């Protein structure tokens, strides 16, 4: 996983594949829980599947950020992963962008 803090007040996270995905999102939750002062873009380019634990950790991350007035944007999400979100009723809960550039542009335009 890669975590980069960008000058625009954004944290860009590139997720690994499972089985490490859930642990990595939990790590991000720990970071955001201590210092919630930036929007977060999560890049799913390498993610092929999601476990319930990963989904729970994403919900927690979303709640941390929303409570602090910041955004969580998921990008490069495959149709399979989007289908998982749709089946469990979370397609409207999360904000999606086509790729990291569209996500970053969205954050910069609303700042």
PDB file of N, CA and C in Angstrom:
ATOM      1  N   UNK A   1       0.846  -1.173   0.000  1.00  0.00           N
ATOM      2  CA  UNK A   1       0.000   0.000   0.000  1.00  0.00           C
ATOM      3  C   UNK A   1       0.885   1.227   0.000  1.00  0.00           C
ATOM      4  N   UNK A   2       0.363   2.280  -0.569  1.00  0.00           N
ATOM      5  CA  UNK A   2       1.064   3.533  -0.532  1.00  0.00           C
ATOM      6  C   UNK A   2       0.153   4.616   0.014  1.00  0.00           C
ATOM      7  N   UNK A   3       0.685   5.402   0.924  1.00  0.00           N
ATOM      8  CA  UNK A   3      -0.054   6.540   1.456  1.00  0.00           C
ATOM      9  C   UNK A   3       0.772   7.779   1.160  1.00  0.00           C
ATOM     10  N   UNK A   4       0.159   8.702   0.436  1.00  0.00           N
ATOM     11  CA  UNK A   4       0.847   9.954   0.122  1.00  0.00           C
ATOM     12  C   UNK A   4      -0.036  11.125   0.523  1.00  0.00           C
ATOM     13  N   UNK A   5       0.551  12.062   1.235  1.00  0.00           N
ATOM     14  CA  UNK A   5      -0.145  13.296   1.564  1.00  0.00           C
ATOM     15  C   UNK A   5       0.216  14.311   0.497  1.00  0.00           C
ATOM     16  N   UNK A   6      -0.802  14.818  -0.179  1.00  0.00           N
ATOM     17  CA  UNK A   6      -0.588  15.765  -1.264  1.00  0.00           C
ATOM     18  C   UNK A   6      -0.775  17.191  -0.768  1.00  0.00           C
ATOM     19  N   UNK A   7      -0.166  18.135  -1.465  1.00  0.00           N
ATOM     20  CA  UNK A   7      -0.224  19.542  -1.075  1.00  0.00           C
ATOM     21  C   UNK A   7      -1.633  20.101  -1.043  1.00  0.00           C
ATOM     22  N   UNK A   8      -2.543  19.500  -1.800  1.00  0.00           N
ATOM     23  CA  UNK A   8      -3.907  20.016  -1.890  1.00  0.00           C
ATOM     24  C   UNK A   8      -4.749  19.651  -0.672  1.00  0.00           C
ATOM     25  N   UNK A   9      -4.159  19.116   0.379  1.00  0.00           N
ATOM     26  CA  UNK A   9      -4.926  18.720   1.553  1.00  0.00           C
ATOM     27  C   UNK A   9      -5.631  17.399   1.373  1.00  0.00           C
ATOM     28  N   UNK A  10      -4.994  16.502   0.643  1.00  0.00           N
ATOM     29  CA  UNK A  10      -5.592  15.214   0.317  1.00  0.00           C
ATOM     30  C   UNK A  10      -4.603  14.102   0.653  1.00  0.00           C
ATOM     31  N   UNK A  11      -5.137  13.013   1.188  1.00  0.00           N
ATOM     32  CA  UNK A  11      -4.337  11.797   1.360  1.00  0.00           C
ATOM     33  C   UNK A  11      -4.742  10.855   0.240  1.00  0.00           C
ATOM     34  N   UNK A  12      -3.763  10.378  -0.518  1.00  0.00           N
ATOM     35  CA  UNK A  12      -3.992   9.417  -1.594  1.00  0.00           C
ATOM     36  C   UNK A  12      -3.499   8.061  -1.123  1.00  0.00           C
ATOM     37  N   UNK A  13      -4.395   7.074  -1.123  1.00  0.00           N
ATOM     38  CA  UNK A  13      -4.079   5.733  -0.651  1.00  0.00           C
ATOM     39  C   UNK A  13      -4.230   4.764  -1.812  1.00  0.00           C
ATOM     40  N   UNK A  14      -3.178   3.998  -2.094  1.00  0.00           N
ATOM     41  CA  UNK A  14      -3.240   2.942  -3.099  1.00  0.00           C
ATOM     42  C   UNK A  14      -3.305   1.622  -2.357  1.00  0.00           C
ATOM     43  N   UNK A  15      -4.434   0.925  -2.509  1.00  0.00           N
ATOM     44  CA  UNK A  15      -4.659  -0.309  -1.756  1.00  0.00           C
ATOM     45  C   UNK A  15      -4.004  -1.525  -2.413  1.00  0.00           C
ATOM     46  N   UNK A  16      -3.588  -2.496  -1.577  1.00  0.00           N
ATOM     47  CA  UNK A  16      -3.095  -3.768  -2.097  1.00  0.00           C
ATOM     48  C   UNK A  16      -4.268  -4.721  -2.316  1.00  0.00           C
ATOM     49  N   UNK A  17      -3.967  -5.900  -2.839  1.00  0.00           N
ATOM     50  CA  UNK A  17      -4.989  -6.938  -2.974  1.00  0.00           C
ATOM     51  C   UNK A  17      -5.258  -7.575  -1.622  1.00  0.00           C
ATOM     52  N   UNK A  18      -6.396  -8.312  -1.525  1.00  0.00           N
ATOM     53  CA  UNK A  18      -6.643  -9.127  -0.343  1.00  0.00           C
ATOM     54  C   UNK A  18      -5.533 -10.177  -0.309  1.00  0.00           C
ATOM     55  N   UNK A  19      -5.099 -10.689   0.797  1.00  0.00           N
ATOM     56  CA  UNK A  19      -5.709 -10.646   2.108  1.00  0.00           C
ATOM     57  C   UNK A  19      -5.250  -9.468   2.964  1.00  0.00           C
ATOM     58  N   UNK A  20      -4.420  -8.591   2.429  1.00  0.00           N
ATOM     59  CA  UNK A  20      -3.858  -7.481   3.216  1.00  0.00           C
ATOM     60  C   UNK A  20      -4.734  -6.234   3.190  1.00  0.00           C
ATOM     61  N   UNK A  21      -5.727  -6.225   2.354  1.00  0.00           N
ATOM     62  CA  UNK A  21      -6.556  -5.043   2.155  1.00  0.00           C
ATOM     63  C   UNK A  21      -7.213  -4.564   3.444  1.00  0.00           C
ATOM     64  N   UNK A  22      -7.861  -5.448   4.164  1.00  0.00           N
ATOM     65  CA  UNK A  22      -8.566  -5.068   5.390  1.00  0.00           C
ATOM     66  C   UNK A  22      -7.617  -4.468   6.423  1.00  0.00           C
ATOM     67  N   UNK A  23      -6.447  -5.072   6.600  1.00  0.00           N
ATOM     68  CA  UNK A  23      -5.462  -4.550   7.553  1.00  0.00           C
ATOM     69  C   UNK A  23      -5.000  -3.151   7.162  1.00  0.00           C
ATOM     70  N   UNK A  24      -4.827  -2.933   5.873  1.00  0.00           N
ATOM     71  CA  UNK A  24      -4.353  -1.633   5.402  1.00  0.00           C
ATOM     72  C   UNK A  24      -5.409  -0.550   5.628  1.00  0.00           C
ATOM     73  N   UNK A  25      -6.671  -0.880   5.366  1.00  0.00           N
ATOM     74  CA  UNK A  25      -7.730   0.105   5.606  1.00  0.00           C
ATOM     75  C   UNK A  25      -7.841   0.390   7.105  1.00  0.00           C
ATOM     76  N   UNK A  26      -7.653  -0.629   7.919  1.00  0.00           N
ATOM     77  CA  UNK A  26      -7.670  -0.433   9.375  1.00  0.00           C
ATOM     78  C   UNK A  26      -6.548   0.508   9.806  1.00  0.00           C
ATOM     79  N   UNK A  27      -5.381   0.380   9.172  1.00  0.00           N
ATOM     80  CA  UNK A  27      -4.257   1.278   9.452  1.00  0.00           C
ATOM     81  C   UNK A  27      -4.625   2.721   9.105  1.00  0.00           C
ATOM     82  N   UNK A  28      -5.260   2.906   7.961  1.00  0.00           N
ATOM     83  CA  UNK A  28      -5.697   4.243   7.555  1.00  0.00           C
ATOM     84  C   UNK A  28      -6.695   4.793   8.565  1.00  0.00           C
ATOM     85  N   UNK A  29      -7.607   3.945   9.030  1.00  0.00           N
ATOM     86  CA  UNK A  29      -8.584   4.381  10.030  1.00  0.00           C
ATOM     87  C   UNK A  29      -7.881   4.881  11.288  1.00  0.00           C
ATOM     88  N   UNK A  30      -6.810   4.213  11.682  1.00  0.00           N
ATOM     89  CA  UNK A  30      -6.045   4.645  12.850  1.00  0.00           C
ATOM     90  C   UNK A  30      -5.420   6.017  12.640  1.00  0.00           C
ATOM     91  N   UNK A  31      -4.893   6.232  11.450  1.00  0.00           N
ATOM     92  CA  UNK A  31      -4.280   7.520  11.121  1.00  0.00           C
ATOM     93  C   UNK A  31      -5.333   8.623  11.112  1.00  0.00           C
ATOM     94  N   UNK A  32      -6.434   8.380  10.427  1.00  0.00           N
ATOM     95  CA  UNK A  32      -7.499   9.379  10.315  1.00  0.00           C
ATOM     96  C   UNK A  32      -8.166   9.615  11.665  1.00  0.00           C
ATOM     97  N   UNK A  33      -8.318   8.551  12.461  1.00  0.00           N
ATOM     98  CA  UNK A  33      -8.926   8.685  13.783  1.00  0.00           C
ATOM     99  C   UNK A  33      -8.149   9.614  14.703  1.00  0.00           C
ATOM    100  N   UNK A  34      -6.827   9.670  14.518  1.00  0.00           N
ATOM    101  CA  UNK A  34      -5.978  10.542  15.338  1.00  0.00           C
ATOM    102  C   UNK A  34      -5.917  11.963  14.798  1.00  0.00           C
ATOM    103  N   UNK A  35      -5.976  12.080  13.485  1.00  0.00           N
ATOM    104  CA  UNK A  35      -5.816  13.395  12.866  1.00  0.00           C
ATOM    105  C   UNK A  35      -6.685  13.476  11.618  1.00  0.00           C
ATOM    106  N   UNK A  36      -7.893  13.875  11.804  1.00  0.00           N
ATOM    107  CA  UNK A  36      -8.874  13.936  10.714  1.00  0.00           C
ATOM    108  C   UNK A  36      -8.895  15.353  10.146  1.00  0.00           C
ATOM    109  N   UNK A  37      -7.983  15.622   9.204  1.00  0.00           N
ATOM    110  CA  UNK A  37      -7.899  16.982   8.681  1.00  0.00           C
ATOM    111  C   UNK A  37      -7.705  17.042   7.171  1.00  0.00           C
ATOM    112  N   UNK A  38      -8.057  15.959   6.481  1.00  0.00           N
ATOM    113  CA  UNK A  38      -7.870  15.935   5.027  1.00  0.00           C
ATOM    114  C   UNK A  38      -8.908  15.034   4.376  1.00  0.00           C
ATOM    115  N   UNK A  39      -9.184  15.319   3.109  1.00  0.00           N
ATOM    116  CA  UNK A  39      -9.978  14.404   2.303  1.00  0.00           C
ATOM    117  C   UNK A  39      -9.107  13.187   1.983  1.00  0.00           C
ATOM    118  N   UNK A  40      -9.746  12.068   1.703  1.00  0.00           N
ATOM    119  CA  UNK A  40      -9.014  10.841   1.392  1.00  0.00           C
ATOM    120  C   UNK A  40      -9.518  10.274   0.072  1.00  0.00           C
ATOM    121  N   UNK A  41      -8.579   9.991  -0.827  1.00  0.00           N
ATOM    122  CA  UNK A  41      -8.860   9.304  -2.084  1.00  0.00           C
ATOM    123  C   UNK A  41      -8.248   7.920  -1.965  1.00  0.00           C
ATOM    124  N   UNK A  42      -9.071   6.890  -2.181  1.00  0.00           N
ATOM    125  CA  UNK A  42      -8.603   5.510  -2.087  1.00  0.00           C
ATOM    126  C   UNK A  42      -8.639   4.897  -3.479  1.00  0.00           C
ATOM    127  N   UNK A  43      -7.466   4.477  -3.964  1.00  0.00           N
ATOM    128  CA  UNK A  43      -7.315   3.905  -5.296  1.00  0.00           C
ATOM    129  C   UNK A  43      -7.442   2.383  -5.216  1.00  0.00           C
ATOM    130  N   UNK A  44      -8.437   1.840  -5.900  1.00  0.00           N
ATOM    131  CA  UNK A  44      -8.739   0.411  -5.907  1.00  0.00           C
ATOM    132  C   UNK A  44      -8.144  -0.315  -7.105  1.00  0.00           C
ATOM    133  N   UNK A  45      -7.188   0.271  -7.803  1.00  0.00           N
ATOM    134  CA  UNK A  45      -6.665  -0.298  -9.040  1.00  0.00           C
ATOM    135  C   UNK A  45      -6.239  -1.764  -8.890  1.00  0.00           C
ATOM    136  N   UNK A  46      -5.618  -2.136  -7.792  1.00  0.00           N
ATOM    137  CA  UNK A  46      -5.123  -3.506  -7.587  1.00  0.00           C
ATOM    138  C   UNK A  46      -6.143  -4.437  -6.920  1.00  0.00           C
ATOM    139  N   UNK A  47      -7.260  -3.897  -6.474  1.00  0.00           N
ATOM    140  CA  UNK A  47      -8.215  -4.678  -5.691  1.00  0.00           C
ATOM    141  C   UNK A  47      -9.098  -5.517  -6.616  1.00  0.00           C
ATOM    142  N   UNK A  48      -9.119  -6.822  -6.366  1.00  0.00           N
ATOM    143  CA  UNK A  48      -9.911  -7.753  -7.172  1.00  0.00           C
ATOM    144  C   UNK A  48     -11.185  -8.205  -6.464  1.00  0.00           C
ATOM    145  N   UNK A  49     -11.188  -8.200  -5.126  1.00  0.00           N
ATOM    146  CA  UNK A  49     -12.342  -8.630  -4.348  1.00  0.00           C
ATOM    147  C   UNK A  49     -12.336  -7.921  -2.998  1.00  0.00           C
ATOM    148  N   UNK A  50     -13.469  -7.958  -2.323  1.00  0.00           N
ATOM    149  CA  UNK A  50     -13.596  -7.339  -1.006  1.00  0.00           C
ATOM    150  C   UNK A  50     -14.154  -8.346  -0.015  1.00  0.00           C
ATOM    151  N   UNK A  51     -13.643  -8.300   1.197  1.00  0.00           N
ATOM    152  CA  UNK A  51     -14.215  -9.107   2.273  1.00  0.00           C
ATOM    153  C   UNK A  51     -15.151  -8.223   3.085  1.00  0.00           C
ATOM    154  N   UNK A  52     -15.953  -8.843   3.926  1.00  0.00           N
ATOM    155  CA  UNK A  52     -16.848  -8.067   4.785  1.00  0.00           C
ATOM    156  C   UNK A  52     -16.051  -7.174   5.732  1.00  0.00           C
ATOM    157  N   UNK A  53     -14.894  -7.639   6.156  1.00  0.00           N
ATOM    158  CA  UNK A  53     -14.037  -6.845   7.039  1.00  0.00           C
ATOM    159  C   UNK A  53     -13.552  -5.573   6.332  1.00  0.00           C
ATOM    160  N   UNK A  54     -13.172  -5.700   5.082  1.00  0.00           N
ATOM    161  CA  UNK A  54     -12.732  -4.530   4.314  1.00  0.00           C
ATOM    162  C   UNK A  54     -13.864  -3.536   4.145  1.00  0.00           C
ATOM    163  N   UNK A  55     -15.052  -4.041   3.861  1.00  0.00           N
ATOM    164  CA  UNK A  55     -16.213  -3.171   3.695  1.00  0.00           C
ATOM    165  C   UNK A  55     -16.518  -2.441   5.004  1.00  0.00           C
ATOM    166  N   UNK A  56     -16.481  -3.160   6.112  1.00  0.00           N
ATOM    167  CA  UNK A  56     -16.711  -2.533   7.424  1.00  0.00           C
ATOM    168  C   UNK A  56     -15.692  -1.440   7.699  1.00  0.00           C
ATOM    169  N   UNK A  57     -14.430  -1.699   7.391  1.00  0.00           N
ATOM    170  CA  UNK A  57     -13.390  -0.693   7.613  1.00  0.00           C
ATOM    171  C   UNK A  57     -13.578   0.522   6.716  1.00  0.00           C
ATOM    172  N   UNK A  58     -14.068   0.326   5.483  1.00  0.00           N
ATOM    173  CA  UNK A  58     -14.361   1.461   4.610  1.00  0.00           C
ATOM    174  C   UNK A  58     -15.508   2.295   5.163  1.00  0.00           C
ATOM    175  N   UNK A  59     -16.512   1.638   5.716  1.00  0.00           N
ATOM    176  CA  UNK A  59     -17.638   2.358   6.326  1.00  0.00           C
ATOM    177  C   UNK A  59     -17.141   3.184   7.515  1.00  0.00           C
ATOM    178  N   UNK A  60     -16.282   2.603   8.336  1.00  0.00           N
ATOM    179  CA  UNK A  60     -15.708   3.321   9.477  1.00  0.00           C
ATOM    180  C   UNK A  60     -14.917   4.543   8.999  1.00  0.00           C
ATOM    181  N   UNK A  61     -14.097   4.355   7.966  1.00  0.00           N
ATOM    182  CA  UNK A  61     -13.311   5.459   7.418  1.00  0.00           C
ATOM    183  C   UNK A  61     -14.241   6.566   6.912  1.00  0.00           C
ATOM    184  N   UNK A  62     -15.269   6.190   6.195  1.00  0.00           N
ATOM    185  CA  UNK A  62     -16.240   7.165   5.684  1.00  0.00           C
ATOM    186  C   UNK A  62     -16.872   7.949   6.832  1.00  0.00           C
ATOM    187  N   UNK A  63     -17.246   7.258   7.895  1.00  0.00           N
ATOM    188  CA  UNK A  63     -17.877   7.928   9.044  1.00  0.00           C
ATOM    189  C   UNK A  63     -16.914   8.877   9.746  1.00  0.00           C
ATOM    190  N   UNK A  64     -15.641   8.460   9.919  1.00  0.00           N
ATOM    191  CA  UNK A  64     -14.627   9.352  10.509  1.00  0.00           C
ATOM    192  C   UNK A  64     -14.553  10.649   9.706  1.00  0.00           C
ATOM    193  N   UNK A  65     -14.396  10.501   8.391  1.00  0.00           N
ATOM    194  CA  UNK A  65     -14.200  11.663   7.531  1.00  0.00           C
ATOM    195  C   UNK A  65     -15.434  12.556   7.479  1.00  0.00           C
ATOM    196  N   UNK A  66     -16.599  11.958   7.349  1.00  0.00           N
ATOM    197  CA  UNK A  66     -17.839  12.734   7.282  1.00  0.00           C
ATOM    198  C   UNK A  66     -18.049  13.534   8.562  1.00  0.00           C
ATOM    199  N   UNK A  67     -17.777  12.894   9.690  1.00  0.00           N
ATOM    200  CA  UNK A  67     -17.926  13.571  10.984  1.00  0.00           C
ATOM    201  C   UNK A  67     -17.033  14.809  11.074  1.00  0.00           C
ATOM    202  N   UNK A  68     -15.866  14.739  10.447  1.00  0.00           N
ATOM    203  CA  UNK A  68     -14.911  15.855  10.481  1.00  0.00           C
ATOM    204  C   UNK A  68     -15.126  16.844   9.326  1.00  0.00           C
ATOM    205  N   UNK A  69     -16.075  16.559   8.454  1.00  0.00           N
ATOM    206  CA  UNK A  69     -16.347  17.459   7.332  1.00  0.00           C
ATOM    207  C   UNK A  69     -15.482  17.222   6.117  1.00  0.00           C
ATOM    208  N   UNK A  70     -14.939  16.032   5.991  1.00  0.00           N
ATOM    209  CA  UNK A  70     -14.083  15.693   4.852  1.00  0.00           C
ATOM    210  C   UNK A  70     -14.705  14.582   4.029  1.00  0.00           C
ATOM    211  N   UNK A  71     -14.122  14.324   2.875  1.00  0.00           N
ATOM    212  CA  UNK A  71     -14.688  13.365   1.923  1.00  0.00           C
ATOM    213  C   UNK A  71     -13.810  12.140   1.764  1.00  0.00           C
ATOM    214  N   UNK A  72     -14.458  11.026   1.455  1.00  0.00           N
ATOM    215  CA  UNK A  72     -13.796   9.788   1.046  1.00  0.00           C
ATOM    216  C   UNK A  72     -14.243   9.517  -0.377  1.00  0.00           C
ATOM    217  N   UNK A  73     -13.286   9.431  -1.285  1.00  0.00           N
ATOM    218  CA  UNK A  73     -13.601   9.144  -2.685  1.00  0.00           C
ATOM    219  C   UNK A  73     -12.867   7.865  -3.082  1.00  0.00           C
ATOM    220  N   UNK A  74     -13.617   6.923  -3.635  1.00  0.00           N
ATOM    221  CA  UNK A  74     -13.045   5.664  -4.110  1.00  0.00           C
ATOM    222  C   UNK A  74     -12.878   5.763  -5.618  1.00  0.00           C
ATOM    223  N   UNK A  75     -11.696   5.391  -6.117  1.00  0.00           N
ATOM    224  CA  UNK A  75     -11.452   5.486  -7.553  1.00  0.00           C
ATOM    225  C   UNK A  75     -10.876   4.185  -8.099  1.00  0.00           C
ATOM    226  N   UNK A  76     -10.911   4.077  -9.426  1.00  0.00           N
ATOM    227  CA  UNK A  76     -10.453   2.870 -10.122  1.00  0.00           C
ATOM    228  C   UNK A  76     -11.141   1.618  -9.581  1.00  0.00           C
ATOM    229  N   UNK A  77     -12.420   1.741  -9.282  1.00  0.00           N
ATOM    230  CA  UNK A  77     -13.186   0.627  -8.738  1.00  0.00           C
ATOM    231  C   UNK A  77     -13.731  -0.194  -9.909  1.00  0.00           C
ATOM    232  N   UNK A  78     -13.403  -1.476  -9.931  1.00  0.00           N
ATOM    233  CA  UNK A  78     -13.838  -2.347 -11.021  1.00  0.00           C
ATOM    234  C   UNK A  78     -15.345  -2.551 -10.990  1.00  0.00           C
ATOM    235  N   UNK A  79     -15.894  -3.008 -12.093  1.00  0.00           N
ATOM    236  CA  UNK A  79     -17.329  -3.284 -12.165  1.00  0.00           C
ATOM    237  C   UNK A  79     -17.718  -4.367 -11.158  1.00  0.00           C
ATOM    238  N   UNK A  80     -16.849  -5.341 -10.944  1.00  0.00           N
ATOM    239  CA  UNK A  80     -17.123  -6.402  -9.968  1.00  0.00           C
ATOM    240  C   UNK A  80     -17.268  -5.818  -8.564  1.00  0.00           C
ATOM    241  N   UNK A  81     -16.341  -4.963  -8.173  1.00  0.00           N
ATOM    242  CA  UNK A  81     -16.388  -4.349  -6.841  1.00  0.00           C
ATOM    243  C   UNK A  81     -17.597  -3.416  -6.730  1.00  0.00           C
ATOM    244  N   UNK A  82     -17.878  -2.650  -7.785  1.00  0.00           N
ATOM    245  CA  UNK A  82     -19.071  -1.800  -7.768  1.00  0.00           C
ATOM    246  C   UNK A  82     -20.328  -2.656  -7.617  1.00  0.00           C
ATOM    247  N   UNK A  83     -20.319  -3.842  -8.228  1.00  0.00           N
ATOM    248  CA  UNK A  83     -21.443  -4.759  -8.094  1.00  0.00           C
ATOM    249  C   UNK A  83     -21.623  -5.224  -6.659  1.00  0.00           C
ATOM    250  N   UNK A  84     -20.513  -5.458  -5.968  1.00  0.00           N
ATOM    251  CA  UNK A  84     -20.580  -5.852  -4.554  1.00  0.00           C
ATOM    252  C   UNK A  84     -21.221  -4.731  -3.743  1.00  0.00           C
ATOM    253  N   UNK A  85     -20.780  -3.499  -3.981  1.00  0.00           N
ATOM    254  CA  UNK A  85     -21.374  -2.354  -3.277  1.00  0.00           C
ATOM    255  C   UNK A  85     -22.870  -2.248  -3.578  1.00  0.00           C
ATOM    256  N   UNK A  86     -23.252  -2.497  -4.831  1.00  0.00           N
ATOM    257  CA  UNK A  86     -24.671  -2.413  -5.207  1.00  0.00           C
ATOM    258  C   UNK A  86     -25.497  -3.494  -4.519  1.00  0.00           C
ATOM    259  N   UNK A  87     -24.987  -4.719  -4.482  1.00  0.00           N
ATOM    260  CA  UNK A  87     -25.721  -5.832  -3.875  1.00  0.00           C
ATOM    261  C   UNK A  87     -25.987  -5.582  -2.394  1.00  0.00           C
ATOM    262  N   UNK A  88     -25.033  -4.978  -1.700  1.00  0.00           N
ATOM    263  CA  UNK A  88     -25.223  -4.731  -0.268  1.00  0.00           C
ATOM    264  C   UNK A  88     -25.822  -3.347   0.020  1.00  0.00           C
ATOM    265  N   UNK A  89     -26.165  -2.622  -1.048  1.00  0.00           N
ATOM    266  CA  UNK A  89     -26.862  -1.355  -0.884  1.00  0.00           C
ATOM    267  C   UNK A  89     -25.984  -0.171  -0.527  1.00  0.00           C
ATOM    268  N   UNK A  90     -24.702  -0.225  -0.878  1.00  0.00           N
ATOM    269  CA  UNK A  90     -23.792   0.865  -0.525  1.00  0.00           C
ATOM    270  C   UNK A  90     -23.321   1.677  -1.735  1.00  0.00           C
ATOM    271  N   UNK A  91     -23.936   1.461  -2.901  1.00  0.00           N
ATOM    272  CA  UNK A  91     -23.479   2.186  -4.089  1.00  0.00           C
ATOM    273  C   UNK A  91     -23.710   3.687  -3.968  1.00  0.00           C
ATOM    274  N   UNK A  92     -24.698   4.098  -3.181  1.00  0.00           N
ATOM    275  CA  UNK A  92     -24.944   5.534  -2.993  1.00  0.00           C
ATOM    276  C   UNK A  92     -24.309   6.068  -1.711  1.00  0.00           C
ATOM    277  N   UNK A  93     -23.820   5.187  -0.870  1.00  0.00           N
ATOM    278  CA  UNK A  93     -23.174   5.579   0.384  1.00  0.00           C
ATOM    279  C   UNK A  93     -21.789   6.164   0.105  1.00  0.00           C
ATOM    280  N   UNK A  94     -21.055   5.521  -0.808  1.00  0.00           N
ATOM    281  CA  UNK A  94     -19.698   5.954  -1.141  1.00  0.00           C
ATOM    282  C   UNK A  94     -19.708   6.841  -2.375  1.00  0.00           C
ATOM    283  N   UNK A  95     -18.710   7.709  -2.438  1.00  0.00           N
ATOM    284  CA  UNK A  95     -18.510   8.559  -3.605  1.00  0.00           C
ATOM    285  C   UNK A  95     -17.448   7.908  -4.484  1.00  0.00           C
ATOM    286  N   UNK A  96     -17.741   7.804  -5.779  1.00  0.00           N
ATOM    287  CA  UNK A  96     -16.834   7.141  -6.718  1.00  0.00           C
ATOM    288  C   UNK A  96     -16.330   8.126  -7.758  1.00  0.00           C
ATOM    289  N   UNK A  97     -15.102   7.889  -8.215  1.00  0.00           N
ATOM    290  CA  UNK A  97     -14.527   8.630  -9.335  1.00  0.00           C
ATOM    291  C   UNK A  97     -13.888   7.621 -10.280  1.00  0.00           C
ATOM    292  N   UNK A  98     -13.835   7.980 -11.546  1.00  0.00           N
ATOM    293  CA  UNK A  98     -13.303   7.073 -12.559  1.00  0.00           C
ATOM    294  C   UNK A  98     -11.851   6.675 -12.268  1.00  0.00           C
ATOM    295  N   UNK A  99     -11.017   7.664 -11.960  1.00  0.00           N
ATOM    296  CA  UNK A  99      -9.609   7.395 -11.675  1.00  0.00           C
ATOM    297  C   UNK A  99      -9.107   8.406 -10.646  1.00  0.00           C
ATOM    298  N   UNK A 100      -7.852   8.282 -10.267  1.00  0.00           N
ATOM    299  CA  UNK A 100      -7.322   9.159  -9.211  1.00  0.00           C
ATOM    300  C   UNK A 100      -7.291  10.622  -9.645  1.00  0.00           C
ATOM    301  N   UNK A 101      -7.093  10.875 -10.934  1.00  0.00           N
ATOM    302  CA  UNK A 101      -7.040  12.257 -11.402  1.00  0.00           C
ATOM    303  C   UNK A 101      -8.419  12.916 -11.300  1.00  0.00           C
ATOM    304  N   UNK A 102      -9.466  12.177 -11.646  1.00  0.00           N
ATOM    305  CA  UNK A 102     -10.829  12.703 -11.515  1.00  0.00           C
ATOM    306  C   UNK A 102     -11.177  12.920 -10.039  1.00  0.00           C
ATOM    307  N   UNK A 103     -10.741  12.010  -9.183  1.00  0.00           N
ATOM    308  CA  UNK A 103     -11.007  12.143  -7.739  1.00  0.00           C
ATOM    309  C   UNK A 103     -10.298  13.368  -7.181  1.00  0.00           C
ATOM    310  N   UNK A 104      -9.033  13.533  -7.516  1.00  0.00           N
ATOM    311  CA  UNK A 104      -8.265  14.674  -7.021  1.00  0.00           C
ATOM    312  C   UNK A 104      -8.836  15.977  -7.568  1.00  0.00           C
ATOM    313  N   UNK A 105      -9.241  15.978  -8.833  1.00  0.00           N
ATOM    314  CA  UNK A 105      -9.836  17.164  -9.423  1.00  0.00           C
ATOM    315  C   UNK A 105     -11.129  17.531  -8.699  1.00  0.00           C
ATOM    316  N   UNK A 106     -11.929  16.541  -8.345  1.00  0.00           N
ATOM    317  CA  UNK A 106     -13.176  16.776  -7.619  1.00  0.00           C
ATOM    318  C   UNK A 106     -12.911  17.414  -6.261  1.00  0.00           C
ATOM    319  N   UNK A 107     -11.892  16.934  -5.561  1.00  0.00           N
ATOM    320  CA  UNK A 107     -11.539  17.483  -4.258  1.00  0.00           C
ATOM    321  C   UNK A 107     -11.051  18.927  -4.389  1.00  0.00           C
ATOM    322  N   UNK A 108     -10.207  19.173  -5.363  1.00  0.00           N
ATOM    323  CA  UNK A 108      -9.641  20.509  -5.545  1.00  0.00           C
ATOM    324  C   UNK A 108     -10.728  21.518  -5.924  1.00  0.00           C
ATOM    325  N   UNK A 109     -11.680  21.104  -6.758  1.00  0.00           N
ATOM    326  CA  UNK A 109     -12.741  22.016  -7.186  1.00  0.00           C
ATOM    327  C   UNK A 109     -13.703  22.373  -6.077  1.00  0.00           C
ATOM    328  N   UNK A 110     -13.875  21.500  -5.083  1.00  0.00           N
ATOM    329  CA  UNK A 110     -14.807  21.789  -3.994  1.00  0.00           C
ATOM    330  C   UNK A 110     -14.122  22.404  -2.781  1.00  0.00           C
ATOM    331  N   UNK A 111     -12.818  22.568  -2.847  1.00  0.00           N
ATOM    332  CA  UNK A 111     -12.086  23.163  -1.712  1.00  0.00           C
ATOM    333  C   UNK A 111     -12.233  24.651  -1.680  1.00  0.00           C
TER     334      UNK A 111
END
